[in-house]
């Protein structure tokens, strides 16, 4: 099936929830993907920040293949050695005090689980979230996603959220002082908002306020987690540990899976029936998680994430106004609109992403990107910036 044929069928049969790139991908290896017509692309987007180890990493492929030959799936009603191994490896890497895990399937599901656990533990219903934050599209997490264009059609059924501006501890204390707030939820780096990193002193202040008012602190590390920013959790860089931490995207290196890391005190209040997920913790996903985390540690890829960031900043920095983010979660602020540059990059065989800020490009390269990959991206960006700017200069 050609790219054109694929696009025609999908447009005819799928509901139009995405503005898709004009290509049909059929194969991936390392930092590259190929479309149905054989065109190669350097992938610095990773399918929304998913491909932590690049595409089809041999260790993950082998683990999934071996598990598929043994047992494709059985629900959490039964114990599973592969799930136990994945849970052990994950909680070993988790921040101190977060030694309990619940497995699910997506970032939105993980965030909803975290908010449910916080509400039960505290006996409160209120939630505080950051302006410009993004936590998912299902109703519970959508209630904490700031963009009104997504929330407005469902406003009548969404739980109420108290929004506060990032950096304003006085506003946070005013919201928490009512002692009706179960949780404060935040992204350490607000990715969709344009890769805005929350200040460490602000997050530390939130931690202190949550302790003072009996509120739980939730880190949405769906994008920042699993070593992508140079440490397994951004809490290590921010100097504040949350009570609940959600992971997804990179956790299975391409296999759908998510998890919530839970503080001991919160875990002690959970009872059978409080939460469930038929496919959460499924065998194929657990095999992928275990292989991903094992590779992450054995190949010292968290350190490599920092090296890649430094290389991109050095080579691309002179071309842009600002390089944002940490590790392999980067934002490039341009002096021109991003969309034409993304189109020009794709024409040169490079994939990157946009954000809600029309001047910020998002990059999520895999932690296995080579020095040559970075140079290829930098060269392509240089040309793309000139190509996208050309019509304005000649007008």
Foldseek 3Di string as FASTA:
>chain_A
DALVVVVVVCVVPPDCPDPDDSFAWDDWDFQWTATRVGFIFREQCLVPQFQQRTPPDVLLVVLLVVLVVPDQWDFPVDDDPLLVLLLVLVLVQDPPQLNDKWKAFAQLVQVLVVLLLLCVLLVANEEEEEALAQRDQPQARVLRHRPCVRCVVPVVPHRHYHYDYQPDLVSVLVVLVVLRHSEYEYECFRQQSFRRGGALVRVVSNLVSCVVSVHFYEYSVQNVACLQQLGRDCCVVSVHDTQKYKYFRHQLSPHGMIMIRHGPSSVVPDDPPSDGHGCTSTNSSSSSNSSSSVCCVVVVLSNLLQVLLVLLCVLCVVQADDWHGGRQWIKTFHPDFCPQLQVQLVVVRYHWAHHPPRRIIITRGHSPDDSVSSVVSSVSSVVSVCVSCVVVVVD
